[in-house]
Protein backbone atom coordinates (compact mmCIF):
# COMPACT_ATOMS: atom_id res chain seq x y z
CA GLY A 1 -74.27 13.11 26.10
CA ASP A 2 -76.17 11.06 23.29
CA THR A 3 -76.99 13.37 19.71
CA LEU A 4 -79.49 12.55 17.23
CA GLU A 5 -78.40 12.31 13.95
CA GLY A 6 -80.20 11.77 10.82
CA GLU A 7 -80.09 11.69 7.15
CA GLU A 8 -77.83 14.71 5.77
CA GLY A 9 -80.28 17.21 3.85
CA GLU A 10 -83.70 15.56 5.44
CA GLU A 11 -85.58 18.68 7.37
CA GLY A 12 -84.99 18.30 11.03
CA GLY A 13 -81.87 16.33 10.58
CA GLY A 14 -84.07 13.11 9.69
CA VAL A 15 -85.54 12.80 13.23
CA ARG A 16 -88.85 12.13 13.99
CA LEU A 17 -90.56 13.05 17.34
CA SER A 18 -94.01 11.93 18.59
CA GLY A 19 -95.77 13.33 21.48
CA GLN A 20 -96.88 16.97 22.87
CA ILE A 21 -94.59 19.54 24.31
CA SER A 22 -95.61 22.69 26.13
CA ILE A 23 -94.28 25.63 25.32
CA ARG A 24 -94.46 29.05 27.49
CA GLN A 25 -94.97 32.06 25.32
CA ALA A 26 -93.65 35.49 25.97
CA ASP A 27 -97.00 36.61 27.74
CA GLY A 28 -96.55 33.58 30.17
CA LYS A 29 -99.08 31.47 28.25
CA GLU A 30 -98.63 27.91 28.08
CA VAL A 31 -99.84 25.95 24.97
CA GLU A 32 -99.34 22.25 23.94
CA VAL A 33 -97.94 21.64 20.51
CA ASP A 34 -97.05 18.46 18.37
CA ALA A 35 -93.26 17.70 19.11
CA ASP A 36 -92.23 16.95 15.61
CA ALA A 37 -93.99 19.73 14.15
CA TYR A 38 -92.27 22.18 16.45
CA ILE A 39 -88.88 20.78 15.84
CA ARG A 40 -89.39 20.98 11.90
CA ASP A 41 -90.71 24.67 12.31
CA LEU A 42 -87.35 25.61 14.38
CA THR A 43 -85.24 23.76 11.72
CA ARG A 44 -86.60 26.13 9.23
CA GLU A 45 -86.39 29.25 10.94
CA VAL A 46 -82.87 28.20 11.88
CA GLN A 47 -82.02 27.44 8.05
CA ARG A 48 -83.77 31.14 7.15
CA LEU A 49 -81.83 32.61 9.43
CA ARG A 50 -78.39 31.02 8.28
CA HIS A 51 -79.15 32.16 4.67
CA GLU A 52 -80.11 35.64 5.97
CA LEU A 53 -77.03 36.01 7.91
CA GLU A 54 -74.79 34.89 4.97
CA ALA A 55 -76.89 37.43 2.60
CA LEU A 56 -75.73 39.96 5.18
CA ARG A 57 -72.32 39.06 5.34
CA GLN A 58 -72.17 39.34 1.25
CA GLY A 59 -74.32 42.52 1.14
CA PRO A 60 -71.66 45.37 1.50
CA ALA A 61 -69.83 44.31 -1.55
CA LYS A 62 -73.40 43.68 -3.75
CA THR A 63 -74.66 47.14 -2.30
CA GLN A 64 -71.40 48.94 -3.11
CA ALA A 65 -71.30 47.60 -6.75
CA ALA A 66 -75.16 48.26 -7.04
CA ASP A 67 -74.62 52.05 -5.72
CA LEU A 68 -71.50 52.56 -8.13
CA LEU A 69 -73.61 51.26 -10.90
CA ALA A 70 -76.51 53.65 -9.98
CA TYR A 71 -74.67 56.21 -9.64
CA VAL A 72 -72.73 56.00 -13.21
CA SER A 73 -75.84 55.16 -14.89
CA ALA A 74 -77.78 58.37 -13.57
CA MET A 75 -74.97 60.88 -14.36
CA GLU A 76 -75.93 63.33 -17.61
CA GLN A 77 -73.99 63.07 -20.63
CA ARG A 78 -72.56 66.42 -19.84
CA ASP A 79 -70.91 65.10 -16.78
CA LEU A 80 -69.49 62.01 -18.25
CA GLU A 81 -68.15 64.25 -21.07
CA ALA A 82 -66.56 66.52 -18.09
CA LEU A 83 -65.24 63.58 -16.35
CA THR A 84 -63.12 62.09 -19.53
CA ALA A 85 -62.52 65.20 -21.42
CA SER A 86 -58.82 65.59 -20.24
CA VAL A 87 -58.03 61.44 -20.35
CA SER A 88 -56.32 60.24 -23.29
CA PRO A 89 -57.53 57.52 -25.44
CA GLU A 90 -55.04 54.81 -23.67
CA VAL A 91 -56.69 55.53 -20.14
CA LEU A 92 -60.18 55.93 -21.69
CA ASP A 93 -59.80 52.40 -23.07
CA ALA A 94 -58.22 51.10 -20.06
CA MET A 95 -61.26 52.59 -17.99
CA LYS A 96 -63.77 50.99 -20.17
CA MET A 97 -62.18 47.49 -19.92
CA LEU A 98 -62.28 47.75 -16.27
CA ILE A 99 -66.01 48.99 -16.18
CA ASP A 100 -66.70 45.98 -18.46
CA SER A 101 -65.06 43.93 -16.12
CA VAL A 102 -66.73 45.38 -13.08
CA LEU A 103 -69.92 45.19 -14.57
CA ARG A 104 -69.47 41.51 -15.68
CA GLY A 105 -68.65 41.00 -11.77
CA VAL A 106 -71.80 42.66 -10.76
CA ASP A 107 -73.97 40.84 -12.74
CA SER A 108 -73.07 37.93 -11.16
CA VAL A 109 -73.76 39.11 -7.66
CA ILE A 110 -76.61 41.31 -8.19
CA PRO A 111 -80.07 39.21 -8.71
CA GLN A 112 -81.49 39.91 -12.29
CA PRO A 113 -85.07 40.37 -12.79
CA GLU A 114 -86.80 37.31 -13.73
CA ARG A 115 -87.87 37.20 -17.44
CA ARG A 116 -90.93 36.21 -18.47
């Protein structure tokens, strides 16, 4: 069948409709709505759901990184000292480099609060 194509990036695909359409709601009630407005609303909803799906796909990595950072940040000094007491200076330096690298990566995936 025929497809309608519009300008890339335009809301509703660049397609303009005119007229009214009847929509049957979940409760069985029928309402008439402007066809163009209805398509624009559906297009916005599809875009919102796509963004939400993408966020969910990326979510586990962000959540794990944030959880690890929160856990380490919440540790008391004596627990941190006990954790590193038997570690050689070389290993400790390597751990610090790894943590710095992870934190730089976490900063790129965790939204930062807005600064005013």
